Protein backbone atom coordinates (compact mmCIF):
# COMPACT_ATOMS: atom_id res chain seq x y z
CA MET A 1 114.20 112.38 113.48
CA GLY A 2 110.48 112.80 113.79
CA GLN A 3 108.12 115.73 113.66
CA PRO A 4 107.21 117.98 116.57
CA LEU A 5 103.81 117.38 118.13
CA VAL A 6 102.73 120.95 117.39
CA PHE A 7 103.37 122.67 114.05
CA PRO A 8 101.28 124.83 111.71
CA HIS A 9 99.25 123.47 108.80
CA GLY A 10 97.97 125.06 105.63
CA VAL A 11 100.10 127.75 103.96
CA THR A 12 103.01 128.72 106.21
CA ILE A 13 105.11 130.80 103.78
CA TYR A 14 104.06 132.82 100.76
CA ASN A 15 106.16 135.38 98.90
CA PRO A 16 103.93 136.64 96.04
CA GLU A 17 106.80 138.45 94.31
CA LYS A 18 108.79 135.25 93.84
CA CYS A 19 106.02 132.68 93.32
CA TRP A 20 104.15 131.53 90.24
CA SER A 21 100.60 131.96 91.45
CA GLY A 22 97.65 129.74 90.69
CA TYR A 23 95.39 127.04 92.04
CA THR A 24 96.92 123.90 93.52
CA ILE A 25 95.05 120.60 93.30
CA VAL A 26 95.88 117.68 95.62
CA PRO A 27 94.48 114.22 96.38
CA LEU A 28 93.76 113.97 100.11
CA ILE A 29 94.41 110.74 101.95
CA ASN A 30 90.77 110.15 103.01
CA ASP A 31 88.87 113.30 101.98
CA GLY A 32 88.73 113.47 98.20
CA VAL A 33 90.31 116.08 95.97
CA LEU A 34 91.05 119.62 97.16
CA LEU A 35 91.51 122.83 95.16
CA PHE A 36 93.00 125.82 96.99
CA ASP A 37 94.64 129.16 96.22
CA MET A 38 98.09 130.52 97.13
CA ASN A 39 96.95 131.61 100.60
CA GLY A 40 95.49 128.19 101.28
CA ASN A 41 91.86 129.23 100.93
CA GLU A 42 90.01 126.01 100.14
CA ILE A 43 87.99 126.76 97.01
CA ARG A 44 86.31 123.43 96.39
CA ARG A 45 86.57 119.83 97.54
CA TRP A 46 85.18 116.91 95.55
CA ASN A 47 84.39 113.60 97.27
CA MET A 48 86.14 111.42 94.72
CA HIS A 49 89.35 109.45 94.44
CA ALA A 50 92.33 110.37 92.31
CA MET A 51 95.77 109.02 91.51
CA PRO A 52 96.48 111.79 90.68
CA PRO A 53 93.79 114.46 90.13
CA LYS A 54 94.28 116.79 87.18
CA LEU A 55 92.64 120.11 86.40
CA LEU A 56 91.64 120.89 82.82
CA PRO A 57 90.69 124.26 81.33
CA GLY A 58 87.14 125.22 82.24
CA GLY A 59 87.23 123.81 85.77
CA TYR A 60 87.06 120.16 84.69
CA VAL A 61 88.70 117.61 86.99
CA MET A 62 89.93 114.07 86.27
CA GLY A 63 90.03 111.31 88.87
CA LEU A 64 88.21 108.06 89.65
CA SER A 65 85.25 106.70 91.58
CA GLY A 66 87.20 104.32 93.79
CA TYR A 67 89.34 101.21 93.98
CA ARG A 68 88.94 97.49 93.67
CA HIS A 69 88.63 95.77 97.05
CA PRO A 70 92.14 95.22 98.51
CA ASP A 71 91.44 91.51 98.94
CA TYR A 72 91.99 91.26 95.18
CA GLY A 73 93.28 94.59 93.93
CA MET A 74 96.49 96.52 94.47
CA GLN A 75 95.74 100.19 93.68
CA ASP A 76 93.34 99.12 90.92
CA GLY A 77 91.09 102.06 90.05
CA VAL A 78 87.61 100.92 89.03
CA ASN A 79 87.46 103.64 86.38
CA LEU A 80 89.02 106.85 85.12
CA MET A 81 86.56 109.71 84.86
CA GLU A 82 86.25 113.42 84.19
CA ILE A 83 83.77 115.68 86.00
CA ASP A 84 82.72 119.28 85.44
CA TYR A 85 83.17 121.88 88.16
CA ASP A 86 79.86 120.89 89.79
CA GLY A 87 80.66 117.19 89.87
CA ASN A 88 78.73 115.94 86.83
CA ILE A 89 80.48 113.10 85.00
CA VAL A 90 81.29 114.13 81.43
CA TRP A 91 83.57 111.20 80.49
CA GLU A 92 84.35 107.79 81.91
CA PHE A 93 86.38 104.73 80.98
CA ASP A 94 86.14 101.36 82.76
CA HIS A 95 86.18 98.70 80.01
CA PHE A 96 89.67 97.27 80.31
CA GLU A 97 88.94 94.07 82.22
CA ASN A 98 85.75 92.29 83.30
CA ILE A 99 86.37 91.57 86.99
CA ASP A 100 84.76 88.63 88.81
CA ASP A 101 86.17 88.57 92.34
CA PRO A 102 84.54 85.86 94.47
CA GLY A 103 82.35 87.52 97.08
CA ARG A 104 83.49 90.97 95.99
CA ASP A 105 83.45 92.88 92.72
CA HIS A 106 81.66 91.79 89.55
CA ARG A 107 81.97 94.56 86.98
CA TRP A 108 84.09 96.07 84.27
CA MET A 109 87.11 98.00 85.57
CA ALA A 110 89.83 100.19 84.14
CA ARG A 111 92.41 98.99 86.68
CA GLN A 112 93.96 102.44 86.25
CA HIS A 113 96.80 103.32 88.58
CA HIS A 114 99.31 106.13 89.18
CA ASP A 115 99.07 108.11 85.93
CA TYR A 116 97.24 109.05 82.73
CA GLN A 117 97.49 111.81 80.12
CA ARG A 118 94.77 113.52 78.11
CA GLU A 119 95.57 114.53 74.53
CA GLY A 120 96.83 118.09 74.12
CA ASN A 121 99.24 118.08 77.05
CA PRO A 122 102.17 115.64 77.38
CA VAL A 123 102.73 115.67 81.16
CA GLY A 124 99.52 116.54 83.00
CA TYR A 125 100.71 119.83 84.46
CA TYR A 126 100.44 123.32 83.02
CA VAL A 127 102.47 124.06 79.90
CA PRO A 128 101.89 127.35 78.05
CA GLY A 129 100.19 126.62 74.75
CA MET A 130 99.67 122.91 75.49
CA ASP A 131 96.32 122.54 77.24
CA ALA A 132 94.71 119.15 77.72
CA LYS A 133 91.43 118.82 75.83
CA PRO A 134 88.51 118.84 78.30
CA LEU A 135 85.73 117.53 76.04
CA GLU A 136 87.45 115.48 73.35
CA GLY A 137 90.63 113.60 72.50
CA ASN A 138 92.41 110.38 73.33
CA THR A 139 93.64 109.41 76.78
CA LEU A 140 96.78 107.47 77.67
CA ILE A 141 96.17 105.31 80.75
CA LEU A 142 98.51 103.27 82.96
CA VAL A 143 96.76 100.03 83.98
CA HIS A 144 97.35 96.78 85.82
CA GLN A 145 96.99 93.26 84.54
CA THR A 146 97.57 90.00 86.41
CA ILE A 147 99.84 87.54 84.64
CA ARG A 148 101.95 84.44 85.03
CA ASN A 149 105.33 84.47 83.32
CA PRO A 150 107.76 81.70 84.37
CA LYS A 151 110.55 83.56 82.60
CA ILE A 152 110.26 86.26 85.28
CA SER A 153 109.03 84.30 88.33
CA ASP A 154 107.06 81.22 89.31
CA LYS A 155 104.78 83.53 91.34
CA LYS A 156 101.65 85.33 90.16
CA LEU A 157 102.64 88.82 88.97
CA LEU A 158 101.05 92.26 88.90
CA ASP A 159 102.06 93.56 85.50
CA ASP A 160 101.97 97.13 84.21
CA ALA A 161 100.47 98.00 80.85
CA MET A 162 99.68 101.18 78.95
CA ILE A 163 96.62 101.72 76.82
CA GLU A 164 95.41 104.59 74.68
CA VAL A 165 91.65 105.03 74.40
CA ASP A 166 89.51 107.39 72.34
CA TRP A 167 86.66 109.55 73.61
CA GLU A 168 84.22 106.68 73.11
CA GLY A 169 86.37 104.30 75.18
CA ASN A 170 87.76 102.18 72.35
CA ILE A 171 91.24 100.80 73.07
CA LEU A 172 93.46 101.98 70.20
CA TRP A 173 96.88 100.84 71.47
CA LYS A 174 98.31 98.63 74.19
CA TRP A 175 101.83 97.95 75.50
CA SER A 176 102.76 95.48 78.28
CA ILE A 177 106.08 95.80 80.05
CA SER A 178 106.36 92.06 80.71
CA ASP A 179 106.76 91.55 76.95
CA HIS A 180 109.97 93.60 77.17
CA PHE A 181 111.54 92.07 80.27
CA ASP A 182 114.78 91.32 78.40
CA GLU A 183 115.17 95.03 77.58
CA LEU A 184 115.18 96.13 81.24
CA GLY A 185 118.86 95.41 81.92
CA PHE A 186 118.68 93.02 84.86
CA ASP A 187 121.87 91.04 85.50
CA GLU A 188 121.78 87.39 86.58
CA ALA A 189 121.98 88.24 90.29
CA ALA A 190 118.95 90.54 89.99
CA LYS A 191 116.99 88.00 87.92
CA ASN A 192 117.68 85.33 90.52
CA VAL A 193 116.40 87.48 93.39
CA LEU A 194 113.40 88.71 91.39
CA PHE A 195 112.42 85.16 90.47
CA ARG A 196 112.36 84.12 94.13
CA ASP A 197 110.77 87.29 95.54
CA PRO A 198 109.17 89.59 92.95
CA ASN A 199 108.12 92.07 95.69
CA MET A 200 105.26 89.92 96.94
CA ARG A 201 102.13 91.70 98.22
CA SER A 202 99.22 90.20 100.14
CA SER A 203 96.44 91.16 97.68
CA ASP A 204 94.84 88.53 95.46
CA GLY A 205 96.22 85.68 97.54
CA GLY A 206 99.78 86.89 97.02
CA VAL A 207 100.96 88.72 93.92
CA GLY A 208 104.37 90.07 92.90
CA ASP A 209 104.38 93.83 92.28
CA TYR A 210 107.72 93.23 90.59
CA LEU A 211 108.29 96.58 88.83
CA HIS A 212 105.65 99.04 90.08
CA VAL A 213 105.52 101.56 87.25
CA ASN A 214 104.32 104.79 88.88
CA CYS A 215 104.43 107.43 86.14
CA MET A 216 103.92 107.65 82.41
CA SER A 217 103.80 110.58 80.04
CA TYR A 218 104.54 111.60 76.48
CA LEU A 219 107.82 113.31 75.72
CA GLY A 220 106.06 115.96 73.70
CA PRO A 221 107.86 118.37 71.34
CA ASN A 222 111.52 118.66 72.31
CA LYS A 223 114.87 119.93 71.06
CA TRP A 224 116.49 116.49 70.98
CA TYR A 225 114.06 115.24 68.36
CA ASP A 226 114.37 118.55 66.51
CA GLN A 227 118.13 117.84 66.34
CA GLY A 228 117.49 114.41 64.81
CA ASP A 229 117.67 112.04 67.82
CA MET A 230 114.90 109.53 67.08
CA ARG A 231 114.88 108.22 70.65
CA PHE A 232 113.00 111.34 71.62
CA LYS A 233 110.05 111.33 69.24
CA PRO A 234 107.30 113.53 70.71
CA GLU A 235 104.87 110.58 70.85
CA ASN A 236 107.37 108.34 72.68
CA ILE A 237 106.51 107.52 76.28
CA ILE A 238 108.70 108.05 79.34
CA PHE A 239 108.13 105.98 82.49
CA ASP A 240 109.87 104.45 85.48
CA CYS A 241 109.83 101.28 87.58
CA ARG A 242 109.87 102.17 91.26
CA GLU A 243 110.74 98.73 92.64
CA ALA A 244 113.54 98.12 90.13
CA ASN A 245 115.18 101.58 90.01
CA ILE A 246 114.66 101.75 86.23
CA LEU A 247 113.93 104.92 84.21
CA ALA A 248 113.17 104.47 80.53
CA ILE A 249 111.66 105.72 77.27
CA LEU A 250 109.77 103.48 74.86
CA ASP A 251 109.22 104.04 71.17
CA LYS A 252 105.43 104.08 70.88
CA GLU A 253 105.55 102.99 67.25
CA THR A 254 107.86 99.98 67.65
CA GLY A 255 107.24 99.17 71.30
CA LYS A 256 110.99 98.92 71.95
CA ILE A 257 112.74 100.58 74.87
CA VAL A 258 115.10 103.09 73.23
CA TRP A 259 116.56 104.87 76.27
CA ARG A 260 117.18 103.53 79.77
CA ILE A 261 119.18 104.12 82.93
CA GLY A 262 119.24 101.66 85.84
CA PRO A 263 118.84 99.21 87.36
CA ASP A 264 122.64 99.34 87.86
CA PHE A 265 123.91 102.86 88.49
CA ASN A 266 127.50 101.66 88.74
CA ALA A 267 127.51 100.56 85.11
CA THR A 268 129.24 103.64 83.64
CA PRO A 269 131.18 106.65 84.95
CA GLU A 270 128.30 108.89 83.87
CA LEU A 271 125.81 106.89 85.94
CA LYS A 272 128.15 106.86 88.94
CA LYS A 273 128.34 110.64 88.77
CA LEU A 274 124.54 110.91 88.50
CA GLY A 275 124.27 108.70 91.57
CA TRP A 276 121.80 105.97 92.43
CA ILE A 277 118.20 106.88 91.74
CA ILE A 278 116.11 104.80 94.14
CA GLY A 279 112.36 104.28 94.43
CA GLN A 280 111.71 107.28 92.17
CA HIS A 281 108.45 109.00 91.20
CA HIS A 282 107.18 111.38 88.54
CA PHE A 283 109.92 110.88 85.98
CA HIS A 284 109.26 113.09 82.95
CA MET A 285 110.78 115.40 80.37
CA ILE A 286 110.33 119.11 81.06
CA PRO A 287 108.06 120.22 78.21
CA LYS A 288 108.97 122.71 75.52
CA GLY A 289 108.08 126.24 76.60
CA LEU A 290 109.18 125.83 80.22
CA PRO A 291 112.59 126.68 81.73
CA GLY A 292 114.83 123.63 81.45
CA GLU A 293 112.89 122.25 78.46
CA GLY A 294 114.26 118.94 77.23
CA ASN A 295 115.91 118.03 80.52
CA LEU A 296 114.61 115.10 82.54
CA MET A 297 113.14 115.66 85.97
CA VAL A 298 112.51 113.09 88.68
CA PHE A 299 111.70 112.93 92.37
CA ASP A 300 114.41 110.54 93.54
CA ASN A 301 112.78 109.25 96.70
CA GLY A 302 115.63 107.30 98.21
CA GLY A 303 114.41 104.78 100.73
CA TRP A 304 114.76 101.32 99.23
CA GLY A 305 114.44 99.54 95.91
CA GLY A 306 116.05 97.19 93.44
CA TYR A 307 117.19 93.60 93.09
CA GLY A 308 120.74 92.29 93.15
CA VAL A 309 123.62 91.03 95.24
CA PRO A 310 122.73 90.68 98.95
CA ASN A 311 124.13 93.17 101.46
CA PRO A 312 123.58 93.83 105.19
CA ALA A 313 120.47 95.91 104.45
CA ALA A 314 119.12 93.36 101.95
CA PRO A 315 119.93 89.83 103.18
CA ILE A 316 118.41 88.10 100.13
CA GLY A 317 119.15 90.89 97.62
CA ALA A 318 115.62 92.33 97.44
CA LYS A 319 115.46 96.12 97.90
CA ASN A 320 119.24 96.12 97.85
CA ALA A 321 119.72 99.87 97.25
CA HIS A 322 119.17 102.23 100.19
CA ARG A 323 119.44 105.95 100.90
CA ASP A 324 117.86 107.84 103.79
CA TYR A 325 117.02 111.09 102.03
CA SER A 326 115.37 112.34 98.85
CA ARG A 327 116.60 114.30 95.84
CA VAL A 328 114.88 116.22 93.05
CA LEU A 329 117.04 115.92 89.94
CA GLU A 330 117.01 117.77 86.64
CA PHE A 331 119.52 116.24 84.26
CA ASN A 332 120.54 116.11 80.60
CA PRO A 333 119.23 112.90 78.89
CA ILE A 334 122.25 112.72 76.58
CA THR A 335 125.20 113.35 78.93
CA LEU A 336 123.40 112.50 82.22
CA GLU A 337 124.95 115.65 83.71
CA ILE A 338 122.93 117.10 86.60
CA VAL A 339 121.66 120.55 85.63
CA TRP A 340 119.84 121.38 88.88
CA LYS A 341 118.97 119.52 92.04
CA VAL A 342 117.38 119.74 95.44
CA THR A 343 118.77 117.63 98.26
CA PRO A 344 118.77 118.21 102.01
CA LYS A 345 122.02 120.16 101.53
CA GLU A 346 120.45 122.74 99.19
CA LEU A 347 117.72 123.25 101.80
CA GLY A 348 120.28 123.93 104.53
CA HIS A 349 120.66 120.49 106.14
CA ALA A 350 123.76 118.38 106.68
CA ILE A 351 124.02 114.94 105.08
CA PRO A 352 123.61 112.39 106.62
CA THR A 353 123.01 113.82 110.08
CA ASP A 354 119.96 115.92 109.16
CA ALA A 355 119.20 114.37 105.79
CA SER A 356 115.79 113.13 106.93
CA LYS A 357 114.55 116.73 106.92
CA PHE A 358 114.02 116.28 103.18
CA TYR A 359 112.91 112.70 102.84
CA SER A 360 109.85 111.11 101.31
CA PRO A 361 110.49 107.40 100.68
CA TYR A 362 107.24 106.95 98.73
CA VAL A 363 104.83 108.97 96.52
CA SER A 364 105.93 112.61 95.72
CA SER A 365 106.59 114.67 92.57
CA ALA A 366 108.17 117.77 91.01
CA GLN A 367 106.61 120.22 88.54
CA ARG A 368 108.55 122.88 86.66
CA LEU A 369 106.66 126.19 86.75
CA PRO A 370 106.69 128.85 84.00
CA ASN A 371 108.82 131.27 86.08
CA GLY A 372 111.56 128.67 86.59
CA ASN A 373 110.51 127.68 90.10
CA THR A 374 109.74 124.07 90.95
CA LEU A 375 106.68 122.84 92.85
CA ILE A 376 107.79 119.87 94.95
CA THR A 377 105.48 117.36 96.61
CA GLU A 378 107.29 115.88 99.61
CA GLY A 379 104.38 113.54 99.79
CA SER A 380 104.89 111.19 102.73
CA ASP A 381 104.45 114.06 105.21
CA GLY A 382 101.86 115.99 103.22
CA ARG A 383 104.18 118.90 102.43
CA LEU A 384 104.29 121.05 99.31
CA ILE A 385 107.02 123.61 98.65
CA GLU A 386 107.75 125.99 95.81
CA VAL A 387 111.50 126.39 95.36
CA THR A 388 113.35 128.98 93.29
CA PRO A 389 116.32 128.06 91.07
CA ASP A 390 118.49 129.36 93.95
CA HIS A 391 116.78 126.93 96.34
CA GLU A 392 114.81 129.50 98.30
CA ILE A 393 111.51 128.14 99.62
CA VAL A 394 109.00 130.87 98.70
CA TRP A 395 105.77 128.94 99.42
CA GLU A 396 104.89 126.05 101.69
CA TRP A 397 101.67 124.18 102.47
CA ILE A 398 101.16 121.38 104.98
CA SER A 399 98.06 119.22 104.53
CA PRO A 400 95.68 119.37 107.49
CA TYR A 401 93.82 116.29 106.21
CA TYR A 402 94.80 113.05 107.92
CA THR A 403 93.64 109.45 107.70
CA HIS A 404 90.38 108.70 109.49
CA ASN A 405 91.44 105.41 111.05
CA GLU A 406 90.94 105.22 114.81
CA LYS A 407 93.69 102.68 115.28
CA GLY A 408 97.09 102.43 113.69
CA PRO A 409 99.27 105.13 112.21
CA LYS A 410 97.86 108.43 111.01
CA ASN A 411 99.31 110.31 108.09
CA ASN A 412 98.52 113.19 105.73
CA MET A 413 100.18 111.68 102.66
CA ILE A 414 99.81 113.38 99.27
CA TYR A 415 100.47 111.35 96.14
CA ARG A 416 101.11 114.19 93.70
CA ALA A 417 100.12 117.88 93.52
CA TYR A 418 99.76 120.13 90.47
CA ARG A 419 99.68 123.92 90.06
CA TYR A 420 97.47 125.53 87.37
CA PRO A 421 96.70 129.15 86.40
CA TYR A 422 93.68 130.81 87.97
CA SER A 423 92.21 131.13 84.46
CA TYR A 424 91.61 127.36 84.41
CA VAL A 425 88.66 127.93 86.75
CA PRO A 426 86.56 130.72 85.21
CA GLN A 427 83.75 129.93 87.69
CA GLU A 428 85.71 131.62 90.47
CA PRO A 429 86.88 135.22 90.88
CA THR A 430 90.62 135.72 90.83
CA PRO A 431 91.79 135.38 94.44
CA VAL A 432 93.18 138.29 96.43
CA GLU A 433 96.69 137.28 97.49
CA VAL A 434 98.30 138.23 100.78
CA GLU A 435 101.95 137.73 101.71
CA ILE A 436 102.62 135.23 104.49
CA LYS A 437 105.96 135.82 106.19
CA PRO A 438 107.72 132.89 107.90
CA ILE A 439 107.16 132.47 111.62
CA ASP A 440 110.24 132.89 113.84
CA ASN A 441 110.21 129.37 115.22
CA VAL A 442 112.71 130.24 117.94
CA THR A 443 110.54 132.84 119.63
CA TYR A 444 107.07 131.54 118.72
CA ARG A 445 105.20 130.05 121.69
CA VAL A 446 101.81 128.45 122.19
CA PRO A 447 99.62 129.99 124.92
CA GLY A 448 100.95 129.24 128.39
CA ALA A 449 104.52 128.48 127.31
CA GLY A 450 107.46 130.43 128.71
CA ALA A 451 109.11 133.13 126.61
CA PHE A 452 112.45 132.68 124.90
CA GLY A 453 115.54 133.75 126.88
CA ALA A 454 117.06 132.81 130.25
CA LYS A 455 116.27 134.92 133.33
CA LYS A 456 120.01 135.32 133.94
CA ILE A 457 123.12 134.34 131.99
CA ILE A 458 126.32 133.42 133.88
CA ASP A 459 129.69 133.79 132.17
CA ILE A 460 132.21 131.10 133.19
CA PRO A 461 135.90 132.18 133.27
CA GLY A 462 138.02 130.43 130.64
CA THR A 463 135.09 129.36 128.42
CA LEU A 464 136.25 129.15 124.81
CA PRO A 465 134.28 130.56 121.89
CA TYR A 466 131.59 128.48 120.21
CA TYR A 467 132.98 127.51 116.84
CA GLN A 468 130.86 127.55 113.71
CA ASP A 469 132.00 124.19 112.39
CA VAL A 470 131.77 121.56 115.09
CA ALA A 471 132.71 117.97 114.30
CA LEU A 472 129.67 115.72 114.70
CA CYS A 473 129.64 112.06 115.71
CA VAL A 474 129.66 111.02 112.04
CA ALA A 475 131.34 112.57 109.04
CA THR A 476 129.17 114.73 106.82
CA ASP A 477 129.33 114.50 103.06
CA ASP A 478 131.22 117.80 103.03
CA GLU A 479 133.95 116.14 105.02
CA GLU A 480 133.88 112.99 102.93
CA ASP A 481 134.05 114.75 99.55
CA VAL A 482 137.64 115.79 99.97
CA THR A 483 138.31 115.99 96.22
CA LYS A 484 136.38 119.26 96.01
CA ARG A 485 138.37 121.08 98.68
CA GLU A 486 140.21 124.23 97.68
CA LYS A 487 143.86 123.95 96.69
CA VAL A 488 146.33 124.89 99.40
CA PHE A 489 149.52 124.75 97.29
CA GLN A 490 150.76 123.98 93.78
CA VAL A 491 152.90 121.00 92.79
CA ASP A 492 155.94 121.94 90.69
CA THR A 493 155.06 119.77 87.70
CA SER A 494 158.22 120.83 85.87
CA PHE A 495 160.12 118.89 88.53
CA PHE A 496 157.52 116.30 89.59
CA LYS A 497 156.49 114.98 86.17
CA PRO A 498 152.78 113.96 86.16
CA VAL A 499 151.89 110.38 85.21
CA THR A 500 148.58 108.67 84.53
CA ILE A 501 147.43 105.10 84.05
CA SER A 502 148.20 105.36 80.32
CA THR A 503 151.84 106.44 80.90
CA TRP A 504 152.49 104.43 84.08
CA ASN A 505 154.25 101.50 82.45
CA ASP A 506 156.57 103.59 80.27
CA GLU A 507 157.27 106.32 82.81
CA VAL A 508 157.64 104.16 85.91
CA LEU A 509 157.77 100.39 85.49
CA LYS A 510 159.94 100.22 82.36
CA VAL A 511 162.60 102.68 83.56
CA LYS A 512 165.87 100.74 84.04
CA ASP A 513 168.79 103.15 84.49
CA LYS A 514 167.81 104.66 87.85
CA PRO A 515 165.16 104.41 90.59
CA VAL A 516 161.82 106.12 90.04
CA LEU A 517 160.37 108.15 92.90
CA VAL A 518 156.57 108.66 92.69
CA LEU A 519 154.78 111.20 94.87
CA PHE A 520 151.08 110.35 95.34
CA GLY A 521 149.31 113.48 96.54
CA ALA A 522 146.81 116.28 95.92
CA GLU A 523 147.02 120.06 95.96
CA ARG A 524 144.16 120.24 98.48
CA CYS A 525 146.17 118.24 101.02
CA THR A 526 147.88 120.19 103.85
CA HIS A 527 150.23 117.28 104.60
CA CYS A 528 151.28 117.18 100.94
CA LYS A 529 151.90 120.91 101.18
CA ALA A 530 154.27 120.32 104.10
CA LEU A 531 156.16 117.43 102.46
CA HIS A 532 156.47 118.88 98.95
CA PRO A 533 159.14 121.60 99.52
CA VAL A 534 161.23 119.39 101.80
CA LEU A 535 161.17 116.54 99.30
CA GLU A 536 161.96 118.89 96.40
CA GLU A 537 164.89 120.42 98.28
CA ALA A 538 166.36 117.04 99.16
CA LEU A 539 166.08 115.72 95.61
CA LYS A 540 167.72 118.86 94.20
CA GLU A 541 170.44 119.30 96.81
CA GLU A 542 171.39 115.80 97.92
CA TYR A 543 170.18 113.51 95.09
CA GLU A 544 170.36 115.58 91.91
CA GLY A 545 170.14 113.29 88.87
CA GLN A 546 169.93 110.10 90.95
CA TYR A 547 166.14 109.64 90.72
CA GLU A 548 163.50 109.84 88.02
CA ILE A 549 160.79 111.92 89.66
CA ARG A 550 157.04 111.48 89.04
CA TYR A 551 153.75 112.77 90.47
CA VAL A 552 150.28 111.16 90.65
CA ASP A 553 147.29 113.44 91.35
CA VAL A 554 145.16 111.00 93.37
CA ASP A 555 141.91 112.91 92.71
CA ALA A 556 142.33 112.59 88.95
CA ASN A 557 143.77 109.07 88.87
CA GLN A 558 141.59 106.81 90.98
CA ASP A 559 142.59 103.82 88.86
CA LEU A 560 146.26 104.25 89.85
CA VAL A 561 145.26 104.82 93.47
CA ASP A 562 143.45 101.48 93.44
CA THR A 563 146.19 99.66 91.54
CA CYS A 564 148.94 100.87 93.90
CA HIS A 565 146.81 100.47 97.05
CA ILE A 566 147.19 104.08 98.16
CA GLY A 567 145.43 104.92 101.43
CA GLY A 568 146.05 108.29 103.01
CA ILE A 569 148.25 110.91 101.35
CA PRO A 570 150.98 111.94 100.83
CA VAL A 571 152.62 108.63 99.86
CA VAL A 572 156.07 108.32 98.26
CA ALA A 573 156.77 105.03 96.50
CA ILE A 574 160.17 104.14 94.96
CA PHE A 575 160.47 101.65 92.07
CA LYS A 576 163.54 99.83 90.68
CA ASN A 577 163.31 97.76 87.52
CA GLY A 578 159.53 97.71 87.66
CA GLU A 579 159.27 96.64 91.30
CA GLU A 580 158.34 98.73 94.29
CA VAL A 581 161.27 98.68 96.75
CA GLN A 582 160.33 101.32 99.30
CA ARG A 583 157.36 103.33 100.49
CA PHE A 584 156.62 105.93 103.15
CA ASN A 585 153.68 108.17 103.94
CA GLY A 586 153.05 111.43 105.73
CA GLU A 587 155.26 114.39 106.52
CA LYS A 588 159.06 113.98 107.07
CA ASP A 589 161.82 116.32 108.13
CA TYR A 590 164.91 116.79 105.97
CA ASP A 591 167.21 114.36 107.80
CA ASP A 592 164.66 111.56 108.03
CA LEU A 593 163.89 112.02 104.35
CA CYS A 594 167.51 111.68 103.37
CA ASP A 595 167.89 108.51 105.43
CA ILE A 596 164.97 107.01 103.49
CA LEU A 597 166.21 108.13 100.06
CA ASP A 598 169.70 106.69 100.68
CA LYS A 599 168.49 103.09 100.89
CA PRO A 600 167.37 102.47 97.25
CA LEU A 601 170.69 103.87 96.04
CA ALA A 602 172.85 101.57 98.16
């Protein structure tokens, strides 16, 4: 749908009474790392790289010096480092791999990408009582390694690994995801596609970025482990695979994957209800001490991802899952029930017609704040919003920093933002905060533009009112989700005896002494409401005792709907000796109904 050519940048909305105030730190696309306050005052900018930047108590910042040349590297950070507030390096790690790129880099590199965690804090964002250690402690780092594994593909692969290093840079622990390929849940169709095209990228002469792990954090203390579930040990590590639509937890002690959803979100009824998570970022467990603690949170990007059976959008089966909008999900790791979410609908947009108004197909994140709000990075368009539990946007910031390239597309992408308390930067005075009320976009005009409102309005005789709900060219999800509509009548279940898939054979197919009439309907259906009393009257007045009478609630019995090939409702099907002998659908008047009901009795 596109953006307008003119729109404000910086902070556009700020409600101090409803926000959790602090400094926000963001990685800019071509201008380093920026720290700013709630009003958007830019406090400090460091000319460094970061994926992502993190603020530690005392004004310390973590990031990196730069990246391996793209001829050979794919988001390979040369190091991971920590600086003090004035930019002095206080810690650095680069000794993961000795790089010797012909004509390019010859040095030790960390090959860090996407995420890391410093001891003391499990997730990288602010948690009361769990501060990352600024001048000591171990660091968990997500790194790349280049491998060949014919079990996965005959192509060169970019593999993801995790390492834990001490303050001196010694590697204490390492885990490689390729060693656990059989634990990732790929079916044969997915393995076949992945083998042939493991998401090939042009770097390093062609390399398959086959999983693309983009987040990694400790679970930290949590109620599930306190209740005895060993899958959720505090030291266990949660991560995801963006290209494969996989979200998982590994046991740090054994190295085994002990919890996983995806890559197939049709595998169980619980996963179907959760819905397909596609191309996700920033998957983590909400830490203890924050609202929603123990639930899992993820920015479900949508867009494209996965391997499997080909479809029109994925002719060879690569990137075979698609959705053109994003979701932020908070869900229970045991039941997979969604606890809270943000989709275009919660932000006031129709799906699918306006779904792109909340859509970031790459990067992005979500941070739970101490007051229960959620800081969301809608990263592809450089937008940050703070959202209340009731889905009110109480703060918004649009990045004014765009790519510097003279040719090609320009963007203000933000990988991931974090919010921290003002006390984390004692070098600065506490900012004075000023409310920023939303602009009335309808009446706002740039200089020289005409004012809102026609010079004269002409009323046309016979013009009908403008209705609130106007049918669009395509059905919205509200229209499609008919099972959640309000009931318009009540089926007399004392007369129309309910049946399910478990009682179908005994109650319908095995009945021998008389025909069985089955009404397929739903109490939300206006046509069922019209048929029901007429059918009941006819069966009681004209055909008393001549039929066994049954009812199937189509919303609660999808298996029977599929088995009996039920399309629209209402449908009445009549069975004799286990065989269907007659069927009709829709509303009928009394006489027509009797003509139909006579035939099976002849």
